[in-house]
Amino acid sequence: FELIKGKLTEKLKEYEISVTDENLAQAKAMATELNKMASEFDARRKSVESEVTKPIKAFKDQVDSLIAMCKSGREAILKQVTVFEDQKRQQVLDLLVSELDRAKSEAGISADIGIQDLVILSNMTPSGSLTKSARAAIQNRVDKIVAQNNLELARIAKAEVESLKAGLEPFTESQIAMILGLPD
């Protein structure tokens, strides 16, 4: 490189001219010659670079192959994990439904109670039963419905007592529905 650079530096001294009307054609020819030299250097660089990078490209291809093998193995495991976790979530859901049915039966209610947010893997113990917190969450939801029902019954009874005191007939279902919709 240093040898060629030195020779090129000397050669470029020949191209150091001041452009005038008399040497304009010569200046354009010199510019073309310099462009041709630059193109020759670039072609040589590309040729050498191609040869030098062949082992690097081969190495990259080999490593990419190894990476693909690892990723393929990972995907196979992740598919199995998904299937396994879906089965476990179904088991959790079955346990939750069973616990909800039991709690509703004990409370004597038949209301629809949502439990989808409780269908998580951590709500099942390693032995395959519901965790204490999951059972408590279901019981809390049932208790809330029971409390709401009791409040409604108490409001109906209070309204009937008040209406009878006032000499009114007992309420109809539509009147009771309207009363239940009123604030306390």
C-alpha atoms as a PDB file:
ATOM      1  CA  PHE A   1       0.000   0.000   0.000  1.00  0.00           C
ATOM      2  CA  GLU A   2       2.694   2.483   0.992  1.00  0.00           C
ATOM      3  CA  LEU A   3       4.682   1.744  -2.186  1.00  0.00           C
ATOM      4  CA  ILE A   4       1.634   2.233  -4.436  1.00  0.00           C
ATOM      5  CA  LYS A   5       0.565   5.310  -2.477  1.00  0.00           C
ATOM      6  CA  GLY A   6       4.026   6.857  -2.956  1.00  0.00           C
ATOM      7  CA  LYS A   7       4.008   6.171  -6.711  1.00  0.00           C
ATOM      8  CA  LEU A   8       0.455   7.544  -7.015  1.00  0.00           C
ATOM      9  CA  THR A   9       1.428  10.689  -5.138  1.00  0.00           C
ATOM     10  CA  GLU A  10       4.281  11.245  -7.619  1.00  0.00           C
ATOM     11  CA  LYS A  11       2.020  10.500 -10.583  1.00  0.00           C
ATOM     12  CA  LEU A  12      -0.672  12.918  -9.344  1.00  0.00           C
ATOM     13  CA  LYS A  13       1.856  15.768  -9.468  1.00  0.00           C
ATOM     14  CA  GLU A  14       1.581  15.539 -13.249  1.00  0.00           C
ATOM     15  CA  TYR A  15      -2.133  16.330 -12.919  1.00  0.00           C
ATOM     16  CA  GLU A  16      -1.653  19.485 -10.879  1.00  0.00           C
ATOM     17  CA  ILE A  17      -2.497  22.122 -13.452  1.00  0.00           C
ATOM     18  CA  SER A  18      -4.375  25.377 -13.653  1.00  0.00           C
ATOM     19  CA  VAL A  19      -7.205  25.086 -16.151  1.00  0.00           C
ATOM     20  CA  THR A  20      -7.174  27.686 -18.939  1.00  0.00           C
ATOM     21  CA  ASP A  21      -8.784  28.074 -22.337  1.00  0.00           C
ATOM     22  CA  GLU A  22      -5.720  26.530 -23.957  1.00  0.00           C
ATOM     23  CA  ASN A  23      -5.629  23.351 -21.794  1.00  0.00           C
ATOM     24  CA  LEU A  24      -9.356  22.801 -21.144  1.00  0.00           C
ATOM     25  CA  ALA A  25      -9.523  19.716 -23.395  1.00  0.00           C
ATOM     26  CA  GLN A  26      -6.361  18.333 -21.777  1.00  0.00           C
ATOM     27  CA  ALA A  27      -7.833  18.962 -18.270  1.00  0.00           C
ATOM     28  CA  LYS A  28     -10.970  17.033 -19.167  1.00  0.00           C
ATOM     29  CA  ALA A  29      -8.871  14.147 -20.503  1.00  0.00           C
ATOM     30  CA  MET A  30      -6.791  14.166 -17.297  1.00  0.00           C
ATOM     31  CA  ALA A  31      -9.972  14.051 -15.195  1.00  0.00           C
ATOM     32  CA  THR A  32     -11.131  11.052 -17.214  1.00  0.00           C
ATOM     33  CA  GLU A  33      -7.751   9.320 -16.696  1.00  0.00           C
ATOM     34  CA  LEU A  34      -7.979   9.903 -12.938  1.00  0.00           C
ATOM     35  CA  ASN A  35     -11.507   8.516 -12.877  1.00  0.00           C
ATOM     36  CA  LYS A  36     -10.289   5.434 -14.764  1.00  0.00           C
ATOM     37  CA  MET A  37      -7.468   4.924 -12.216  1.00  0.00           C
ATOM     38  CA  ALA A  38      -9.967   5.233  -9.341  1.00  0.00           C
ATOM     39  CA  SER A  39     -12.227   2.677 -11.027  1.00  0.00           C
ATOM     40  CA  GLU A  40      -9.291   0.261 -11.423  1.00  0.00           C
ATOM     41  CA  PHE A  41      -8.430   0.619  -7.710  1.00  0.00           C
ATOM     42  CA  ASP A  42     -12.082   0.024  -6.782  1.00  0.00           C
ATOM     43  CA  ALA A  43     -12.323  -3.062  -9.024  1.00  0.00           C
ATOM     44  CA  ARG A  44      -9.167  -4.490  -7.464  1.00  0.00           C
ATOM     45  CA  ARG A  45     -10.500  -3.752  -3.960  1.00  0.00           C
ATOM     46  CA  LYS A  46     -13.752  -5.556  -4.737  1.00  0.00           C
ATOM     47  CA  SER A  47     -11.868  -8.548  -6.129  1.00  0.00           C
ATOM     48  CA  VAL A  48      -9.605  -8.835  -3.082  1.00  0.00           C
ATOM     49  CA  GLU A  49     -12.488  -8.163  -0.693  1.00  0.00           C
ATOM     50  CA  SER A  50     -14.525 -10.933  -2.310  1.00  0.00           C
ATOM     51  CA  GLU A  51     -11.687 -13.425  -1.822  1.00  0.00           C
ATOM     52  CA  VAL A  52     -10.951 -12.313   1.732  1.00  0.00           C
ATOM     53  CA  THR A  53     -14.604 -12.404   2.868  1.00  0.00           C
ATOM     54  CA  LYS A  54     -15.398 -15.889   1.513  1.00  0.00           C
ATOM     55  CA  PRO A  55     -14.298 -17.648   4.740  1.00  0.00           C
ATOM     56  CA  ILE A  56     -16.166 -15.052   6.802  1.00  0.00           C
ATOM     57  CA  LYS A  57     -19.362 -15.607   4.808  1.00  0.00           C
ATOM     58  CA  ALA A  58     -18.959 -19.388   5.122  1.00  0.00           C
ATOM     59  CA  PHE A  59     -18.472 -19.009   8.888  1.00  0.00           C
ATOM     60  CA  LYS A  60     -21.548 -16.746   9.138  1.00  0.00           C
ATOM     61  CA  ASP A  61     -23.626 -19.301   7.209  1.00  0.00           C
ATOM     62  CA  GLN A  62     -22.474 -22.066   9.549  1.00  0.00           C
ATOM     63  CA  VAL A  63     -23.301 -20.026  12.658  1.00  0.00           C
ATOM     64  CA  ASP A  64     -26.692 -19.063  11.195  1.00  0.00           C
ATOM     65  CA  SER A  65     -27.379 -22.782  10.733  1.00  0.00           C
ATOM     66  CA  LEU A  66     -26.553 -23.446  14.398  1.00  0.00           C
ATOM     67  CA  ILE A  67     -28.785 -20.559  15.487  1.00  0.00           C
ATOM     68  CA  ALA A  68     -31.648 -21.925  13.376  1.00  0.00           C
ATOM     69  CA  MET A  69     -31.247 -25.338  15.029  1.00  0.00           C
ATOM     70  CA  CYS A  70     -31.476 -23.745  18.486  1.00  0.00           C
ATOM     71  CA  LYS A  71     -34.521 -21.706  17.525  1.00  0.00           C
ATOM     72  CA  SER A  72     -36.240 -24.748  16.071  1.00  0.00           C
ATOM     73  CA  GLY A  73     -35.687 -26.648  19.310  1.00  0.00           C
ATOM     74  CA  ARG A  74     -36.960 -23.674  21.303  1.00  0.00           C
ATOM     75  CA  GLU A  75     -40.141 -23.455  19.225  1.00  0.00           C
ATOM     76  CA  ALA A  76     -40.827 -27.164  19.724  1.00  0.00           C
ATOM     77  CA  ILE A  77     -40.521 -26.734  23.487  1.00  0.00           C
ATOM     78  CA  LEU A  78     -42.679 -23.591  23.530  1.00  0.00           C
ATOM     79  CA  LYS A  79     -45.442 -25.390  21.622  1.00  0.00           C
ATOM     80  CA  GLN A  80     -45.409 -28.128  24.248  1.00  0.00           C
ATOM     81  CA  VAL A  81     -45.436 -25.536  27.036  1.00  0.00           C
ATOM     82  CA  THR A  82     -48.491 -23.867  25.493  1.00  0.00           C
ATOM     83  CA  VAL A  83     -50.380 -27.157  25.223  1.00  0.00           C
ATOM     84  CA  PHE A  84     -49.424 -28.108  28.782  1.00  0.00           C
ATOM     85  CA  GLU A  85     -50.443 -24.729  30.219  1.00  0.00           C
ATOM     86  CA  ASP A  86     -53.737 -24.762  28.308  1.00  0.00           C
ATOM     87  CA  GLN A  87     -54.517 -28.172  29.822  1.00  0.00           C
ATOM     88  CA  LYS A  88     -53.630 -26.878  33.292  1.00  0.00           C
ATOM     89  CA  ARG A  89     -55.821 -23.797  32.805  1.00  0.00           C
ATOM     90  CA  GLN A  90     -58.703 -26.082  31.804  1.00  0.00           C
ATOM     91  CA  GLN A  91     -58.147 -28.062  35.014  1.00  0.00           C
ATOM     92  CA  VAL A  92     -58.195 -24.808  36.992  1.00  0.00           C
ATOM     93  CA  LEU A  93     -61.427 -23.772  35.270  1.00  0.00           C
ATOM     94  CA  ASP A  94     -63.030 -27.139  36.059  1.00  0.00           C
ATOM     95  CA  LEU A  95     -62.020 -26.801  39.717  1.00  0.00           C
ATOM     96  CA  LEU A  96     -63.300 -23.225  39.856  1.00  0.00           C
ATOM     97  CA  VAL A  97     -66.661 -24.186  38.321  1.00  0.00           C
ATOM     98  CA  SER A  98     -67.002 -27.042  40.782  1.00  0.00           C
ATOM     99  CA  GLU A  99     -66.170 -24.772  43.728  1.00  0.00           C
ATOM    100  CA  LEU A 100     -68.551 -22.085  42.457  1.00  0.00           C
ATOM    101  CA  ASP A 101     -71.380 -24.608  42.056  1.00  0.00           C
ATOM    102  CA  ARG A 102     -70.759 -25.861  45.611  1.00  0.00           C
ATOM    103  CA  ALA A 103     -70.717 -22.346  47.094  1.00  0.00           C
ATOM    104  CA  LYS A 104     -73.851 -21.292  45.187  1.00  0.00           C
ATOM    105  CA  SER A 105     -75.641 -24.443  46.285  1.00  0.00           C
ATOM    106  CA  GLU A 106     -74.741 -23.820  49.938  1.00  0.00           C
ATOM    107  CA  ALA A 107     -75.900 -20.210  49.648  1.00  0.00           C
ATOM    108  CA  GLY A 108     -79.093 -21.160  47.820  1.00  0.00           C
ATOM    109  CA  ILE A 109     -78.504 -18.881  44.845  1.00  0.00           C
ATOM    110  CA  SER A 110     -78.448 -19.436  41.108  1.00  0.00           C
ATOM    111  CA  ALA A 111     -77.020 -16.145  39.841  1.00  0.00           C
ATOM    112  CA  ASP A 112     -74.405 -16.063  37.103  1.00  0.00           C
ATOM    113  CA  ILE A 113     -71.014 -15.231  38.603  1.00  0.00           C
ATOM    114  CA  GLY A 114     -67.964 -14.564  36.423  1.00  0.00           C
ATOM    115  CA  ILE A 115     -64.754 -16.443  37.214  1.00  0.00           C
ATOM    116  CA  GLN A 116     -62.695 -16.133  34.000  1.00  0.00           C
ATOM    117  CA  ASP A 117     -60.238 -13.766  35.682  1.00  0.00           C
ATOM    118  CA  LEU A 118     -59.453 -16.523  38.197  1.00  0.00           C
ATOM    119  CA  VAL A 119     -58.399 -19.039  35.515  1.00  0.00           C
ATOM    120  CA  ILE A 120     -54.657 -18.728  36.113  1.00  0.00           C
ATOM    121  CA  LEU A 121     -52.073 -21.412  36.748  1.00  0.00           C
ATOM    122  CA  SER A 122     -51.143 -20.056  40.155  1.00  0.00           C
ATOM    123  CA  ASN A 123     -54.671 -20.812  41.430  1.00  0.00           C
ATOM    124  CA  MET A 124     -53.932 -24.544  41.469  1.00  0.00           C
ATOM    125  CA  THR A 125     -51.703 -26.239  44.024  1.00  0.00           C
ATOM    126  CA  PRO A 126     -49.054 -28.780  42.987  1.00  0.00           C
ATOM    127  CA  SER A 127     -51.362 -31.505  44.316  1.00  0.00           C
ATOM    128  CA  GLY A 128     -54.072 -30.424  41.848  1.00  0.00           C
ATOM    129  CA  SER A 129     -56.556 -28.610  44.070  1.00  0.00           C
ATOM    130  CA  LEU A 130     -57.600 -24.964  44.225  1.00  0.00           C
ATOM    131  CA  THR A 131     -55.531 -22.617  46.308  1.00  0.00           C
ATOM    132  CA  LYS A 132     -57.015 -21.120  49.443  1.00  0.00           C
ATOM    133  CA  SER A 133     -57.040 -17.662  47.819  1.00  0.00           C
ATOM    134  CA  ALA A 134     -58.983 -18.958  44.790  1.00  0.00           C
ATOM    135  CA  ARG A 135     -61.582 -20.605  47.021  1.00  0.00           C
ATOM    136  CA  ALA A 136     -61.815 -17.393  49.046  1.00  0.00           C
ATOM    137  CA  ALA A 137     -62.273 -15.304  45.896  1.00  0.00           C
ATOM    138  CA  ILE A 138     -65.175 -17.489  44.805  1.00  0.00           C
ATOM    139  CA  GLN A 139     -66.717 -17.401  48.276  1.00  0.00           C
ATOM    140  CA  ASN A 140     -66.390 -13.593  48.314  1.00  0.00           C
ATOM    141  CA  ARG A 141     -68.233 -13.346  45.010  1.00  0.00           C
ATOM    142  CA  VAL A 142     -71.013 -15.632  46.236  1.00  0.00           C
ATOM    143  CA  ASP A 143     -71.234 -13.723  49.534  1.00  0.00           C
ATOM    144  CA  LYS A 144     -71.528 -10.471  47.611  1.00  0.00           C
ATOM    145  CA  ILE A 145     -74.515 -11.816  45.623  1.00  0.00           C
ATOM    146  CA  VAL A 146     -76.114 -13.145  48.827  1.00  0.00           C
ATOM    147  CA  ALA A 147     -75.630  -9.766  50.511  1.00  0.00           C
ATOM    148  CA  GLN A 148     -77.125  -7.990  47.525  1.00  0.00           C
ATOM    149  CA  ASN A 149     -80.114 -10.376  47.530  1.00  0.00           C
ATOM    150  CA  ASN A 150     -80.579  -9.862  51.279  1.00  0.00           C
ATOM    151  CA  LEU A 151     -80.462  -6.092  50.842  1.00  0.00           C
ATOM    152  CA  GLU A 152     -83.095  -6.290  48.111  1.00  0.00           C
ATOM    153  CA  LEU A 153     -85.339  -8.486  50.277  1.00  0.00           C
ATOM    154  CA  ALA A 154     -84.912  -6.108  53.213  1.00  0.00           C
ATOM    155  CA  ARG A 155     -85.806  -3.134  51.021  1.00  0.00           C
ATOM    156  CA  ILE A 156     -88.893  -4.931  49.730  1.00  0.00           C
ATOM    157  CA  ALA A 157     -89.994  -5.861  53.250  1.00  0.00           C
ATOM    158  CA  LYS A 158     -89.422  -2.319  54.509  1.00  0.00           C
ATOM    159  CA  ALA A 159     -91.361  -0.868  51.570  1.00  0.00           C
ATOM    160  CA  GLU A 160     -94.262  -3.291  52.166  1.00  0.00           C
ATOM    161  CA  VAL A 161     -94.390  -2.409  55.873  1.00  0.00           C
ATOM    162  CA  GLU A 162     -94.355   1.288  55.092  1.00  0.00           C
ATOM    163  CA  SER A 163     -97.070   0.912  52.451  1.00  0.00           C
ATOM    164  CA  LEU A 164     -99.286  -1.139  54.771  1.00  0.00           C
ATOM    165  CA  LYS A 165     -98.829   1.502  57.512  1.00  0.00           C
ATOM    166  CA  ALA A 166     -99.963   4.089  54.993  1.00  0.00           C
ATOM    167  CA  GLY A 167    -102.981   1.959  54.073  1.00  0.00           C
ATOM    168  CA  LEU A 168    -101.753   1.038  50.613  1.00  0.00           C
ATOM    169  CA  GLU A 169    -102.139  -2.315  48.908  1.00  0.00           C
ATOM    170  CA  PRO A 170     -99.057  -4.610  48.705  1.00  0.00           C
ATOM    171  CA  PHE A 171     -96.725  -3.818  45.843  1.00  0.00           C
ATOM    172  CA  THR A 172     -96.863  -5.425  42.430  1.00  0.00           C
ATOM    173  CA  GLU A 173     -93.724  -6.896  40.839  1.00  0.00           C
ATOM    174  CA  SER A 174     -93.309  -3.867  38.573  1.00  0.00           C
ATOM    175  CA  GLN A 175     -93.533  -1.525  41.551  1.00  0.00           C
ATOM    176  CA  ILE A 176     -90.976  -3.593  43.433  1.00  0.00           C
ATOM    177  CA  ALA A 177     -88.634  -3.531  40.431  1.00  0.00           C
ATOM    178  CA  MET A 178     -88.912   0.276  40.353  1.00  0.00           C
ATOM    179  CA  ILE A 179     -88.218   0.505  44.106  1.00  0.00           C
ATOM    180  CA  LEU A 180     -85.161  -1.737  43.799  1.00  0.00           C
ATOM    181  CA  GLY A 181     -83.788   0.624  41.190  1.00  0.00           C
ATOM    182  CA  LEU A 182     -83.980   3.613  43.528  1.00  0.00           C
ATOM    183  CA  PRO A 183     -80.974   4.663  45.613  1.00  0.00           C
ATOM    184  CA  ASP A 184     -81.005   3.787  49.320  1.00  0.00           C
END
